[in-house]
Amino acid sequence: MRVEVDYDQCESNALCMGAAPEVFEVRDDDFLYLLAEEPAAGSHDGVRRAERLCPKRAITVLE
């Protein structure tokens, strides 16, 4: 699995961080950081959930 974020679309609302905090992080500067472009297998369900939850569809999961 590979994760991509369209930072031009991202609103940094942290819904993805709630679904997969080991992969996504919104820091004090209010920007989203992708912590793992190729997350571990144990994170895949959370990453897929984050993709579904993103209101701006800024997250793309490539299998």
C-alpha atoms as a PDB file:
ATOM      1  CA  MET A   1       0.000   0.000   0.000  1.00  0.00           C
ATOM      2  CA  ARG A   2       1.121   3.530  -0.782  1.00  0.00           C
ATOM      3  CA  VAL A   3      -0.531   6.714   0.510  1.00  0.00           C
ATOM      4  CA  GLU A   4      -0.622  10.057  -1.265  1.00  0.00           C
ATOM      5  CA  VAL A   5      -1.971  13.368   0.033  1.00  0.00           C
ATOM      6  CA  ASP A   6      -3.066  16.273  -2.155  1.00  0.00           C
ATOM      7  CA  TYR A   7      -1.917  19.073   0.115  1.00  0.00           C
ATOM      8  CA  ASP A   8      -3.639  21.664  -2.083  1.00  0.00           C
ATOM      9  CA  GLN A   9      -6.985  20.059  -1.182  1.00  0.00           C
ATOM     10  CA  CYS A  10      -6.199  19.142   2.433  1.00  0.00           C
ATOM     11  CA  GLU A  11      -7.877  21.238   5.150  1.00  0.00           C
ATOM     12  CA  SER A  12      -5.904  19.611   7.997  1.00  0.00           C
ATOM     13  CA  ASN A  13      -9.102  18.787   9.870  1.00  0.00           C
ATOM     14  CA  ALA A  14      -7.414  15.736  11.471  1.00  0.00           C
ATOM     15  CA  LEU A  15     -10.115  13.168  10.684  1.00  0.00           C
ATOM     16  CA  CYS A  16      -7.400  11.058   9.081  1.00  0.00           C
ATOM     17  CA  MET A  17      -5.238  11.401  12.184  1.00  0.00           C
ATOM     18  CA  GLY A  18      -8.091  10.022  14.259  1.00  0.00           C
ATOM     19  CA  ALA A  19      -8.360   6.997  11.957  1.00  0.00           C
ATOM     20  CA  ALA A  20      -4.626   6.294  11.580  1.00  0.00           C
ATOM     21  CA  PRO A  21      -2.474   8.360  13.969  1.00  0.00           C
ATOM     22  CA  GLU A  22       0.616   6.323  13.143  1.00  0.00           C
ATOM     23  CA  VAL A  23       0.357   7.493   9.519  1.00  0.00           C
ATOM     24  CA  PHE A  24      -1.144  11.010   9.670  1.00  0.00           C
ATOM     25  CA  GLU A  25      -0.336  13.860  12.033  1.00  0.00           C
ATOM     26  CA  VAL A  26      -1.645  17.423  12.242  1.00  0.00           C
ATOM     27  CA  ARG A  27       0.938  19.442  14.136  1.00  0.00           C
ATOM     28  CA  ASP A  28       0.783  22.715  16.030  1.00  0.00           C
ATOM     29  CA  ASP A  29       1.380  24.590  12.769  1.00  0.00           C
ATOM     30  CA  ASP A  30      -2.023  23.240  11.551  1.00  0.00           C
ATOM     31  CA  PHE A  31      -0.501  21.325   8.646  1.00  0.00           C
ATOM     32  CA  LEU A  32      -0.936  17.645   7.910  1.00  0.00           C
ATOM     33  CA  TYR A  33       2.176  15.484   7.856  1.00  0.00           C
ATOM     34  CA  LEU A  34       2.285  12.056   6.260  1.00  0.00           C
ATOM     35  CA  LEU A  35       4.387   9.944   8.608  1.00  0.00           C
ATOM     36  CA  ALA A  36       4.501   6.811   6.434  1.00  0.00           C
ATOM     37  CA  GLU A  37       4.030   6.786   2.669  1.00  0.00           C
ATOM     38  CA  GLU A  38       4.084   2.990   2.797  1.00  0.00           C
ATOM     39  CA  PRO A  39       2.384   2.114   6.095  1.00  0.00           C
ATOM     40  CA  ALA A  40       2.805  -1.200   7.873  1.00  0.00           C
ATOM     41  CA  ALA A  41       0.187  -3.878   7.247  1.00  0.00           C
ATOM     42  CA  GLY A  42      -1.380  -3.289  10.664  1.00  0.00           C
ATOM     43  CA  SER A  43      -2.247   0.276   9.630  1.00  0.00           C
ATOM     44  CA  HIS A  44      -3.971  -0.516   6.347  1.00  0.00           C
ATOM     45  CA  ASP A  45      -7.539  -0.620   7.696  1.00  0.00           C
ATOM     46  CA  GLY A  46      -7.084   2.733   9.426  1.00  0.00           C
ATOM     47  CA  VAL A  47      -5.585   4.288   6.300  1.00  0.00           C
ATOM     48  CA  ARG A  48      -8.503   3.091   4.181  1.00  0.00           C
ATOM     49  CA  ARG A  49     -10.877   4.543   6.775  1.00  0.00           C
ATOM     50  CA  ALA A  50      -8.976   7.842   6.676  1.00  0.00           C
ATOM     51  CA  GLU A  51      -9.358   7.937   2.900  1.00  0.00           C
ATOM     52  CA  ARG A  52     -13.131   7.465   3.237  1.00  0.00           C
ATOM     53  CA  LEU A  53     -13.442  10.056   6.026  1.00  0.00           C
ATOM     54  CA  CYS A  54     -11.554  12.847   4.265  1.00  0.00           C
ATOM     55  CA  PRO A  55     -14.168  15.473   3.365  1.00  0.00           C
ATOM     56  CA  LYS A  56     -11.961  16.974   0.639  1.00  0.00           C
ATOM     57  CA  ARG A  57     -10.892  13.597  -0.820  1.00  0.00           C
ATOM     58  CA  ALA A  58      -7.279  14.688  -0.396  1.00  0.00           C
ATOM     59  CA  ILE A  59      -6.062  11.183   0.506  1.00  0.00           C
ATOM     60  CA  THR A  60      -5.442   8.534  -2.136  1.00  0.00           C
ATOM     61  CA  VAL A  61      -4.594   4.928  -1.296  1.00  0.00           C
ATOM     62  CA  LEU A  62      -2.805   2.942  -3.971  1.00  0.00           C
ATOM     63  CA  GLU A  63      -2.870  -0.816  -3.491  1.00  0.00           C
END
